[in-house]
Amino acid sequence: MNYGGMASTVVKSLACAPLWMAVEYLCGFLAKPYAAYVDKSDEKLEKKLVAWTGNVSSHGLQCLFWWVYALSGETWIFDIFGWVVELEPTEARLIDRPRVLPVYIMYLGYAWHSLQKDVRRSWGNFHQPMQAMFLFHHLLTIFLVALSIEHNCWRAGVLTRLAHDPADIMIYTSKIYIAAYEKGKGSYLRVCFIYVITVIVWVSTRVVLYGWVNYCLHVMYLAKVDSWEPTHQIVCVSLLIGSWVMWILQVIWSYALGASMYQFVTTGHQPTDSIDKGQNGSAGDSKKTK
């Protein structure tokens, strides 16, 4: 395997990270009128709304890019019962890799941007278990993606991104509307509806669909692992383990999301979880709220 090519991919993705910063800054700037409508005197809330709007825009663009790729003749993506065969990391995948590589570089750039952004915002707040898992999620993502591209396992990554982005869009969109509700400018029933849709999207894509991707990978690996070279075996098994760990994180977060929905439905108030504290406020702010 050409690990120089892997290093080149990582470097190119790092160069893309500032582009995502620019996208989020521009889209966040456009959110300021909405923030003024919700509560023009609440500067902390404005920062959150700007950040959430940037997240929705970034994940929306990524979702669009992945679907443009999926609809450009990649029929294997829609054959969910054929994934056991289609996900096999053969040398034949090298022919198709140049078509998907630009999308991967774009996504890896966003992963680097998200990592630095969350490390900066949660500095001094790593004792929160959920926030620690969130940062671990970023590191695991970069590792899995970079390694999968080099070892022809990138098809699993395509399915993973198609399964993940919709939930991210729903999560941050719901935060934007719920913020208005907390200021008396929203409907309780609408928030309940948004919560239900968000939970459905999260569980159906990140737990069920992504779980099916991992299951297909697992079946394929068990059938093919003995025919691979030792290095390829180690890499692919590591990717499989990493994918199952990633799936476990989605299950944990689905429970947390369900608990948040239950608390809102029963109390009418949006809970603030540890991820919120790490992502949306400084370490100093977190300490003040204790």
C-alpha atoms as a PDB file:
ATOM      1  CA  MET A   1       0.000   0.000   0.000  1.00  0.00           C
ATOM      2  CA  ASN A   2       1.183   3.511  -0.799  1.00  0.00           C
ATOM      3  CA  TYR A   3       1.180   5.272   2.556  1.00  0.00           C
ATOM      4  CA  GLY A   4       2.667   8.317   0.840  1.00  0.00           C
ATOM      5  CA  GLY A   5      -0.691   8.555  -0.902  1.00  0.00           C
ATOM      6  CA  MET A   6      -2.421   8.321   2.458  1.00  0.00           C
ATOM      7  CA  ALA A   7      -0.260  11.136   3.840  1.00  0.00           C
ATOM      8  CA  SER A   8      -1.039  13.225   0.761  1.00  0.00           C
ATOM      9  CA  THR A   9      -4.777  12.727   1.332  1.00  0.00           C
ATOM     10  CA  VAL A  10      -4.466  13.804   4.960  1.00  0.00           C
ATOM     11  CA  VAL A  11      -2.445  16.911   4.029  1.00  0.00           C
ATOM     12  CA  LYS A  12      -4.948  17.901   1.338  1.00  0.00           C
ATOM     13  CA  SER A  13      -7.802  17.458   3.801  1.00  0.00           C
ATOM     14  CA  LEU A  14      -6.024  19.683   6.326  1.00  0.00           C
ATOM     15  CA  ALA A  15      -5.828  22.357   3.635  1.00  0.00           C
ATOM     16  CA  CYS A  16      -9.627  22.077   3.224  1.00  0.00           C
ATOM     17  CA  ALA A  17     -10.329  22.669   6.918  1.00  0.00           C
ATOM     18  CA  PRO A  18     -10.202  26.511   6.664  1.00  0.00           C
ATOM     19  CA  LEU A  19     -12.799  26.358   3.875  1.00  0.00           C
ATOM     20  CA  TRP A  20     -15.284  24.822   6.301  1.00  0.00           C
ATOM     21  CA  MET A  21     -14.456  27.524   8.805  1.00  0.00           C
ATOM     22  CA  ALA A  22     -15.337  30.093   6.146  1.00  0.00           C
ATOM     23  CA  VAL A  23     -18.604  28.313   5.298  1.00  0.00           C
ATOM     24  CA  GLU A  24     -19.668  28.210   8.937  1.00  0.00           C
ATOM     25  CA  TYR A  25     -18.658  31.820   9.503  1.00  0.00           C
ATOM     26  CA  LEU A  26     -20.676  33.040   6.509  1.00  0.00           C
ATOM     27  CA  CYS A  27     -23.762  30.969   7.311  1.00  0.00           C
ATOM     28  CA  GLY A  28     -23.479  31.855  10.983  1.00  0.00           C
ATOM     29  CA  PHE A  29     -23.367  35.538  10.082  1.00  0.00           C
ATOM     30  CA  LEU A  30     -26.634  35.072   8.190  1.00  0.00           C
ATOM     31  CA  ALA A  31     -28.153  33.673  11.414  1.00  0.00           C
ATOM     32  CA  LYS A  32     -27.709  36.929  13.310  1.00  0.00           C
ATOM     33  CA  PRO A  33     -31.139  38.360  12.279  1.00  0.00           C
ATOM     34  CA  TYR A  34     -32.798  35.228  13.640  1.00  0.00           C
ATOM     35  CA  ALA A  35     -30.793  35.510  16.846  1.00  0.00           C
ATOM     36  CA  ALA A  36     -31.966  39.119  17.203  1.00  0.00           C
ATOM     37  CA  TYR A  37     -35.559  37.959  16.704  1.00  0.00           C
ATOM     38  CA  VAL A  38     -35.214  35.294  19.406  1.00  0.00           C
ATOM     39  CA  ASP A  39     -33.523  37.566  21.969  1.00  0.00           C
ATOM     40  CA  LYS A  40     -31.220  40.376  20.875  1.00  0.00           C
ATOM     41  CA  SER A  41     -29.992  40.920  24.436  1.00  0.00           C
ATOM     42  CA  ASP A  42     -28.697  37.352  24.944  1.00  0.00           C
ATOM     43  CA  GLU A  43     -25.146  37.283  23.542  1.00  0.00           C
ATOM     44  CA  LYS A  44     -24.469  33.697  24.674  1.00  0.00           C
ATOM     45  CA  LEU A  45     -27.571  32.482  22.878  1.00  0.00           C
ATOM     46  CA  GLU A  46     -26.532  34.379  19.754  1.00  0.00           C
ATOM     47  CA  LYS A  47     -23.189  32.556  19.748  1.00  0.00           C
ATOM     48  CA  LYS A  48     -24.988  29.219  20.048  1.00  0.00           C
ATOM     49  CA  LEU A  49     -27.427  30.020  17.241  1.00  0.00           C
ATOM     50  CA  VAL A  50     -24.585  31.157  14.987  1.00  0.00           C
ATOM     51  CA  ALA A  51     -22.676  27.925  15.712  1.00  0.00           C
ATOM     52  CA  TRP A  52     -25.716  25.694  15.197  1.00  0.00           C
ATOM     53  CA  THR A  53     -26.595  27.404  11.916  1.00  0.00           C
ATOM     54  CA  GLY A  54     -23.028  26.863  10.718  1.00  0.00           C
ATOM     55  CA  ASN A  55     -23.283  23.179  11.647  1.00  0.00           C
ATOM     56  CA  VAL A  56     -26.559  22.755   9.756  1.00  0.00           C
ATOM     57  CA  SER A  57     -25.008  24.402   6.689  1.00  0.00           C
ATOM     58  CA  SER A  58     -21.845  22.292   6.816  1.00  0.00           C
ATOM     59  CA  HIS A  59     -23.659  18.991   7.245  1.00  0.00           C
ATOM     60  CA  GLY A  60     -26.210  20.002   4.634  1.00  0.00           C
ATOM     61  CA  LEU A  61     -23.444  20.647   2.095  1.00  0.00           C
ATOM     62  CA  GLN A  62     -21.744  17.356   2.934  1.00  0.00           C
ATOM     63  CA  CYS A  63     -25.014  15.474   2.603  1.00  0.00           C
ATOM     64  CA  LEU A  64     -25.540  17.106  -0.786  1.00  0.00           C
ATOM     65  CA  PHE A  65     -22.032  16.169  -1.987  1.00  0.00           C
ATOM     66  CA  TRP A  66     -22.420  12.534  -0.907  1.00  0.00           C
ATOM     67  CA  TRP A  67     -25.820  12.231  -2.585  1.00  0.00           C
ATOM     68  CA  VAL A  68     -24.521  13.800  -5.804  1.00  0.00           C
ATOM     69  CA  TYR A  69     -21.840  11.103  -5.788  1.00  0.00           C
ATOM     70  CA  ALA A  70     -24.356   8.361  -4.933  1.00  0.00           C
ATOM     71  CA  LEU A  71     -26.696   9.355  -7.753  1.00  0.00           C
ATOM     72  CA  SER A  72     -23.921   9.558 -10.350  1.00  0.00           C
ATOM     73  CA  GLY A  73     -24.109   5.886 -11.297  1.00  0.00           C
ATOM     74  CA  GLU A  74     -23.167   4.255  -7.971  1.00  0.00           C
ATOM     75  CA  THR A  75     -25.997   1.703  -8.111  1.00  0.00           C
ATOM     76  CA  TRP A  76     -24.333  -0.574  -5.544  1.00  0.00           C
ATOM     77  CA  ILE A  77     -25.279   1.921  -2.822  1.00  0.00           C
ATOM     78  CA  PHE A  78     -28.973   1.161  -3.241  1.00  0.00           C
ATOM     79  CA  ASP A  79     -28.524  -2.627  -3.229  1.00  0.00           C
ATOM     80  CA  ILE A  80     -28.591  -2.984   0.548  1.00  0.00           C
ATOM     81  CA  PHE A  81     -28.855  -6.783   0.437  1.00  0.00           C
ATOM     82  CA  GLY A  82     -25.818  -6.931  -1.823  1.00  0.00           C
ATOM     83  CA  TRP A  83     -23.529  -4.943   0.451  1.00  0.00           C
ATOM     84  CA  VAL A  84     -21.810  -8.078   1.736  1.00  0.00           C
ATOM     85  CA  VAL A  85     -20.350  -8.506  -1.755  1.00  0.00           C
ATOM     86  CA  GLU A  86     -20.077  -4.840  -2.753  1.00  0.00           C
ATOM     87  CA  LEU A  87     -18.095  -3.840   0.349  1.00  0.00           C
ATOM     88  CA  GLU A  88     -15.258  -6.288  -0.254  1.00  0.00           C
ATOM     89  CA  PRO A  89     -11.967  -4.283  -0.401  1.00  0.00           C
ATOM     90  CA  THR A  90     -10.560  -5.665  -3.648  1.00  0.00           C
ATOM     91  CA  GLU A  91      -7.976  -4.132  -5.968  1.00  0.00           C
ATOM     92  CA  ALA A  92     -10.820  -3.453  -8.411  1.00  0.00           C
ATOM     93  CA  ARG A  93     -11.880  -0.590  -6.143  1.00  0.00           C
ATOM     94  CA  LEU A  94      -8.760   1.339  -7.253  1.00  0.00           C
ATOM     95  CA  ILE A  95     -10.465   2.141 -10.574  1.00  0.00           C
ATOM     96  CA  ASP A  96     -13.332   3.952  -8.862  1.00  0.00           C
ATOM     97  CA  ARG A  97     -11.360   5.625  -6.082  1.00  0.00           C
ATOM     98  CA  PRO A  98     -10.418   8.806  -8.017  1.00  0.00           C
ATOM     99  CA  ARG A  99     -14.127   9.630  -8.398  1.00  0.00           C
ATOM    100  CA  VAL A 100     -14.848   9.506  -4.689  1.00  0.00           C
ATOM    101  CA  LEU A 101     -11.523  10.877  -3.406  1.00  0.00           C
ATOM    102  CA  PRO A 102     -12.461  14.601  -3.743  1.00  0.00           C
ATOM    103  CA  VAL A 103     -15.582  14.019  -1.640  1.00  0.00           C
ATOM    104  CA  TYR A 104     -13.528  12.176   0.959  1.00  0.00           C
ATOM    105  CA  ILE A 105     -10.932  14.959   1.100  1.00  0.00           C
ATOM    106  CA  MET A 106     -13.748  17.460   1.580  1.00  0.00           C
ATOM    107  CA  TYR A 107     -15.199  15.389   4.402  1.00  0.00           C
ATOM    108  CA  LEU A 108     -11.844  14.789   6.101  1.00  0.00           C
ATOM    109  CA  GLY A 109     -11.259  18.540   5.999  1.00  0.00           C
ATOM    110  CA  TYR A 110     -14.500  19.005   7.915  1.00  0.00           C
ATOM    111  CA  ALA A 111     -13.458  16.325  10.415  1.00  0.00           C
ATOM    112  CA  TRP A 112     -10.223  18.225  11.144  1.00  0.00           C
ATOM    113  CA  HIS A 113     -12.170  21.475  11.440  1.00  0.00           C
ATOM    114  CA  SER A 114     -14.645  19.877  13.869  1.00  0.00           C
ATOM    115  CA  LEU A 115     -11.844  18.417  15.964  1.00  0.00           C
ATOM    116  CA  GLN A 116     -10.006  21.701  16.445  1.00  0.00           C
ATOM    117  CA  LYS A 117     -13.257  23.563  17.041  1.00  0.00           C
ATOM    118  CA  ASP A 118     -14.489  21.189  19.743  1.00  0.00           C
ATOM    119  CA  VAL A 119     -11.079  20.939  21.427  1.00  0.00           C
ATOM    120  CA  ARG A 120     -10.935  24.737  21.606  1.00  0.00           C
ATOM    121  CA  ARG A 121     -14.483  25.100  22.924  1.00  0.00           C
ATOM    122  CA  SER A 122     -14.240  22.288  25.461  1.00  0.00           C
ATOM    123  CA  TRP A 123     -10.776  23.136  26.767  1.00  0.00           C
ATOM    124  CA  GLY A 124     -10.809  22.543  30.510  1.00  0.00           C
ATOM    125  CA  ASN A 125     -14.072  20.571  30.271  1.00  0.00           C
ATOM    126  CA  PHE A 126     -12.802  17.130  29.288  1.00  0.00           C
ATOM    127  CA  HIS A 127     -14.013  15.613  32.551  1.00  0.00           C
ATOM    128  CA  GLN A 128     -17.513  15.424  31.037  1.00  0.00           C
ATOM    129  CA  PRO A 129     -17.918  11.780  29.861  1.00  0.00           C
ATOM    130  CA  MET A 130     -20.184  12.636  26.911  1.00  0.00           C
ATOM    131  CA  GLN A 131     -17.813  15.364  25.714  1.00  0.00           C
ATOM    132  CA  ALA A 132     -14.828  13.022  26.003  1.00  0.00           C
ATOM    133  CA  MET A 133     -16.696  10.478  23.864  1.00  0.00           C
ATOM    134  CA  PHE A 134     -17.523  13.192  21.348  1.00  0.00           C
ATOM    135  CA  LEU A 135     -13.858  14.144  20.932  1.00  0.00           C
ATOM    136  CA  PHE A 136     -12.882  10.480  20.731  1.00  0.00           C
ATOM    137  CA  HIS A 137     -15.489  10.180  17.974  1.00  0.00           C
ATOM    138  CA  HIS A 138     -13.644  12.842  15.927  1.00  0.00           C
ATOM    139  CA  LEU A 139     -10.274  11.118  16.314  1.00  0.00           C
ATOM    140  CA  LEU A 140     -11.740   7.719  15.486  1.00  0.00           C
ATOM    141  CA  THR A 141     -13.426   9.169  12.406  1.00  0.00           C
ATOM    142  CA  ILE A 142     -10.190  10.627  11.004  1.00  0.00           C
ATOM    143  CA  PHE A 143      -8.346   7.377  11.652  1.00  0.00           C
ATOM    144  CA  LEU A 144     -11.012   5.161  10.073  1.00  0.00           C
ATOM    145  CA  VAL A 145     -11.510   7.361   7.015  1.00  0.00           C
ATOM    146  CA  ALA A 146      -7.820   7.837   6.167  1.00  0.00           C
ATOM    147  CA  LEU A 147      -7.053   4.139   6.613  1.00  0.00           C
ATOM    148  CA  SER A 148     -10.114   2.942   4.705  1.00  0.00           C
ATOM    149  CA  ILE A 149      -9.241   5.034   1.633  1.00  0.00           C
ATOM    150  CA  GLU A 150      -5.745   3.608   1.417  1.00  0.00           C
ATOM    151  CA  HIS A 151      -6.866  -0.024   1.845  1.00  0.00           C
ATOM    152  CA  ASN A 152      -9.779   0.069  -0.624  1.00  0.00           C
ATOM    153  CA  CYS A 153     -12.354  -0.040   2.167  1.00  0.00           C
ATOM    154  CA  TRP A 154     -13.814   3.338   1.239  1.00  0.00           C
ATOM    155  CA  ARG A 155     -17.202   2.019   0.144  1.00  0.00           C
ATOM    156  CA  ALA A 156     -18.088   1.375   3.781  1.00  0.00           C
ATOM    157  CA  GLY A 157     -17.136   4.981   4.506  1.00  0.00           C
ATOM    158  CA  VAL A 158     -19.506   6.236   1.811  1.00  0.00           C
ATOM    159  CA  LEU A 159     -22.395   4.338   3.401  1.00  0.00           C
ATOM    160  CA  THR A 160     -21.358   5.584   6.837  1.00  0.00           C
ATOM    161  CA  ARG A 161     -21.517   9.222   5.743  1.00  0.00           C
ATOM    162  CA  LEU A 162     -24.857   8.763   3.980  1.00  0.00           C
ATOM    163  CA  ALA A 163     -26.179   7.302   7.241  1.00  0.00           C
ATOM    164  CA  HIS A 164     -24.722   9.968   9.535  1.00  0.00           C
ATOM    165  CA  ASP A 165     -25.345  13.403   8.002  1.00  0.00           C
ATOM    166  CA  PRO A 166     -29.194  13.435   8.127  1.00  0.00           C
ATOM    167  CA  ALA A 167     -29.179  13.041  11.909  1.00  0.00           C
ATOM    168  CA  ASP A 168     -26.643  15.852  12.334  1.00  0.00           C
ATOM    169  CA  ILE A 169     -28.838  18.158  10.263  1.00  0.00           C
ATOM    170  CA  MET A 170     -31.884  17.283  12.377  1.00  0.00           C
ATOM    171  CA  ILE A 171     -30.038  17.685  15.692  1.00  0.00           C
ATOM    172  CA  TYR A 172     -28.810  21.211  15.008  1.00  0.00           C
ATOM    173  CA  THR A 173     -32.010  22.303  13.286  1.00  0.00           C
ATOM    174  CA  SER A 174     -33.982  21.213  16.347  1.00  0.00           C
ATOM    175  CA  LYS A 175     -31.610  23.155  18.621  1.00  0.00           C
ATOM    176  CA  ILE A 176     -32.234  26.313  16.587  1.00  0.00           C
ATOM    177  CA  TYR A 177     -36.017  26.052  16.928  1.00  0.00           C
ATOM    178  CA  ILE A 178     -35.981  24.937  20.566  1.00  0.00           C
ATOM    179  CA  ALA A 179     -33.870  27.992  21.429  1.00  0.00           C
ATOM    180  CA  ALA A 180     -36.746  30.170  20.196  1.00  0.00           C
ATOM    181  CA  TYR A 181     -39.223  28.105  22.208  1.00  0.00           C
ATOM    182  CA  GLU A 182     -37.194  28.649  25.375  1.00  0.00           C
ATOM    183  CA  LYS A 183     -37.614  32.385  24.783  1.00  0.00           C
ATOM    184  CA  GLY A 184     -41.385  32.084  24.388  1.00  0.00           C
ATOM    185  CA  LYS A 185     -41.369  32.184  20.584  1.00  0.00           C
ATOM    186  CA  GLY A 186     -42.251  28.636  19.664  1.00  0.00           C
ATOM    187  CA  SER A 187     -44.874  25.929  20.082  1.00  0.00           C
ATOM    188  CA  TYR A 188     -44.632  23.093  22.602  1.00  0.00           C
ATOM    189  CA  LEU A 189     -46.332  20.687  20.173  1.00  0.00           C
ATOM    190  CA  ARG A 190     -43.942  21.661  17.384  1.00  0.00           C
ATOM    191  CA  VAL A 191     -40.955  21.016  19.619  1.00  0.00           C
ATOM    192  CA  CYS A 192     -42.403  17.609  20.554  1.00  0.00           C
ATOM    193  CA  PHE A 193     -42.856  16.857  16.849  1.00  0.00           C
ATOM    194  CA  ILE A 194     -39.278  17.943  16.091  1.00  0.00           C
ATOM    195  CA  TYR A 195     -37.982  15.725  18.899  1.00  0.00           C
ATOM    196  CA  VAL A 196     -39.916  12.714  17.611  1.00  0.00           C
ATOM    197  CA  ILE A 197     -38.674  13.212  14.036  1.00  0.00           C
ATOM    198  CA  THR A 198     -35.096  13.707  15.244  1.00  0.00           C
ATOM    199  CA  VAL A 199     -35.178  10.515  17.330  1.00  0.00           C
ATOM    200  CA  ILE A 200     -36.685   8.571  14.410  1.00  0.00           C
ATOM    201  CA  VAL A 201     -34.033   9.861  11.995  1.00  0.00           C
ATOM    202  CA  TRP A 202     -31.211   9.186  14.473  1.00  0.00           C
ATOM    203  CA  VAL A 203     -32.285   5.633  15.333  1.00  0.00           C
ATOM    204  CA  SER A 204     -33.213   4.641  11.771  1.00  0.00           C
ATOM    205  CA  THR A 205     -29.979   5.928  10.206  1.00  0.00           C
ATOM    206  CA  ARG A 206     -27.283   5.836  12.875  1.00  0.00           C
ATOM    207  CA  VAL A 207     -28.421   2.751  14.764  1.00  0.00           C
ATOM    208  CA  VAL A 208     -30.387   0.582  12.306  1.00  0.00           C
ATOM    209  CA  LEU A 209     -28.881   1.496   8.910  1.00  0.00           C
ATOM    210  CA  TYR A 210     -25.325   1.949  10.192  1.00  0.00           C
ATOM    211  CA  GLY A 211     -25.701  -1.248  12.203  1.00  0.00           C
ATOM    212  CA  TRP A 212     -26.660  -3.049   8.986  1.00  0.00           C
ATOM    213  CA  VAL A 213     -23.569  -1.640   7.259  1.00  0.00           C
ATOM    214  CA  ASN A 214     -21.395  -3.012  10.057  1.00  0.00           C
ATOM    215  CA  TYR A 215     -23.174  -6.359  10.006  1.00  0.00           C
ATOM    216  CA  CYS A 216     -22.543  -6.694   6.253  1.00  0.00           C
ATOM    217  CA  LEU A 217     -18.899  -5.758   6.807  1.00  0.00           C
ATOM    218  CA  HIS A 218     -18.643  -8.350   9.576  1.00  0.00           C
ATOM    219  CA  VAL A 219     -20.120 -11.140   7.436  1.00  0.00           C
ATOM    220  CA  MET A 220     -17.846 -10.236   4.515  1.00  0.00           C
ATOM    221  CA  TYR A 221     -14.751 -10.090   6.734  1.00  0.00           C
ATOM    222  CA  LEU A 222     -15.455 -13.513   8.246  1.00  0.00           C
ATOM    223  CA  ALA A 223     -15.779 -14.971   4.757  1.00  0.00           C
ATOM    224  CA  LYS A 224     -12.706 -13.287   3.230  1.00  0.00           C
ATOM    225  CA  VAL A 225     -10.208 -12.572   6.011  1.00  0.00           C
ATOM    226  CA  ASP A 226      -8.240 -15.804   5.535  1.00  0.00           C
ATOM    227  CA  SER A 227      -7.540 -14.922   1.896  1.00  0.00           C
ATOM    228  CA  TRP A 228      -5.985 -11.520   2.701  1.00  0.00           C
ATOM    229  CA  GLU A 229      -2.346 -10.708   3.340  1.00  0.00           C
ATOM    230  CA  PRO A 230      -1.412 -10.252   7.042  1.00  0.00           C
ATOM    231  CA  THR A 231      -1.124  -6.457   6.810  1.00  0.00           C
ATOM    232  CA  HIS A 232      -4.467  -6.196   5.046  1.00  0.00           C
ATOM    233  CA  GLN A 233      -6.018  -8.476   7.678  1.00  0.00           C
ATOM    234  CA  ILE A 234      -4.794  -6.273  10.530  1.00  0.00           C
ATOM    235  CA  VAL A 235      -5.991  -3.071   8.876  1.00  0.00           C
ATOM    236  CA  CYS A 236      -9.412  -4.418   7.908  1.00  0.00           C
ATOM    237  CA  VAL A 237     -10.069  -6.025  11.287  1.00  0.00           C
ATOM    238  CA  SER A 238      -9.017  -2.771  12.984  1.00  0.00           C
ATOM    239  CA  LEU A 239     -11.465  -0.878  10.767  1.00  0.00           C
ATOM    240  CA  LEU A 240     -14.230  -3.328  11.614  1.00  0.00           C
ATOM    241  CA  ILE A 241     -13.592  -2.994  15.356  1.00  0.00           C
ATOM    242  CA  GLY A 242     -13.465   0.787  15.016  1.00  0.00           C
ATOM    243  CA  SER A 243     -16.766   0.761  13.120  1.00  0.00           C
ATOM    244  CA  TRP A 244     -18.489  -1.266  15.828  1.00  0.00           C
ATOM    245  CA  VAL A 245     -17.095   1.097  18.482  1.00  0.00           C
ATOM    246  CA  MET A 246     -18.488   3.997  16.465  1.00  0.00           C
ATOM    247  CA  TRP A 247     -21.862   2.239  16.324  1.00  0.00           C
ATOM    248  CA  ILE A 248     -21.853   1.725  20.098  1.00  0.00           C
ATOM    249  CA  LEU A 249     -21.366   5.481  20.511  1.00  0.00           C
ATOM    250  CA  GLN A 250     -24.447   6.075  18.331  1.00  0.00           C
ATOM    251  CA  VAL A 251     -26.471   3.745  20.551  1.00  0.00           C
ATOM    252  CA  ILE A 252     -25.312   5.576  23.680  1.00  0.00           C
ATOM    253  CA  TRP A 253     -26.181   8.937  22.143  1.00  0.00           C
ATOM    254  CA  SER A 254     -29.574   7.661  20.989  1.00  0.00           C
ATOM    255  CA  TYR A 255     -30.339   6.836  24.616  1.00  0.00           C
ATOM    256  CA  ALA A 256     -29.230  10.344  25.659  1.00  0.00           C
ATOM    257  CA  LEU A 257     -31.378  11.863  22.914  1.00  0.00           C
ATOM    258  CA  GLY A 258     -34.366   9.802  23.989  1.00  0.00           C
ATOM    259  CA  ALA A 259     -33.850  10.900  27.593  1.00  0.00           C
ATOM    260  CA  SER A 260     -33.767  14.539  26.462  1.00  0.00           C
ATOM    261  CA  MET A 261     -37.005  14.059  24.539  1.00  0.00           C
ATOM    262  CA  TYR A 262     -38.680  12.455  27.559  1.00  0.00           C
ATOM    263  CA  GLN A 263     -37.552  15.282  29.833  1.00  0.00           C
ATOM    264  CA  PHE A 264     -38.876  17.907  27.430  1.00  0.00           C
ATOM    265  CA  VAL A 265     -42.223  16.185  26.902  1.00  0.00           C
ATOM    266  CA  THR A 266     -42.752  15.825  30.655  1.00  0.00           C
ATOM    267  CA  THR A 267     -41.399  19.207  31.810  1.00  0.00           C
ATOM    268  CA  GLY A 268     -41.587  21.495  28.767  1.00  0.00           C
ATOM    269  CA  HIS A 269     -37.933  22.480  29.178  1.00  0.00           C
ATOM    270  CA  GLN A 270     -34.911  21.662  27.046  1.00  0.00           C
ATOM    271  CA  PRO A 271     -32.194  19.913  29.109  1.00  0.00           C
ATOM    272  CA  THR A 272     -28.547  21.024  28.756  1.00  0.00           C
ATOM    273  CA  ASP A 273     -26.319  18.000  28.342  1.00  0.00           C
ATOM    274  CA  SER A 274     -22.563  17.681  28.691  1.00  0.00           C
ATOM    275  CA  ILE A 275     -22.029  17.951  24.947  1.00  0.00           C
ATOM    276  CA  ASP A 276     -23.824  21.299  24.945  1.00  0.00           C
ATOM    277  CA  LYS A 277     -21.596  22.533  27.752  1.00  0.00           C
ATOM    278  CA  GLY A 278     -18.453  21.497  25.903  1.00  0.00           C
ATOM    279  CA  GLN A 279     -19.415  22.663  22.446  1.00  0.00           C
ATOM    280  CA  ASN A 280     -21.349  25.815  23.038  1.00  0.00           C
ATOM    281  CA  GLY A 281     -19.564  27.540  25.847  1.00  0.00           C
ATOM    282  CA  SER A 282     -16.060  28.217  27.021  1.00  0.00           C
ATOM    283  CA  ALA A 283     -14.425  26.366  29.880  1.00  0.00           C
ATOM    284  CA  GLY A 284     -14.991  29.410  31.984  1.00  0.00           C
ATOM    285  CA  ASP A 285     -18.686  29.414  31.178  1.00  0.00           C
ATOM    286  CA  SER A 286     -18.928  25.764  32.105  1.00  0.00           C
ATOM    287  CA  LYS A 287     -17.344  26.392  35.470  1.00  0.00           C
ATOM    288  CA  LYS A 288     -19.728  29.250  36.164  1.00  0.00           C
ATOM    289  CA  THR A 289     -22.730  27.010  35.630  1.00  0.00           C
ATOM    290  CA  LYS A 290     -21.609  24.449  38.197  1.00  0.00           C
END
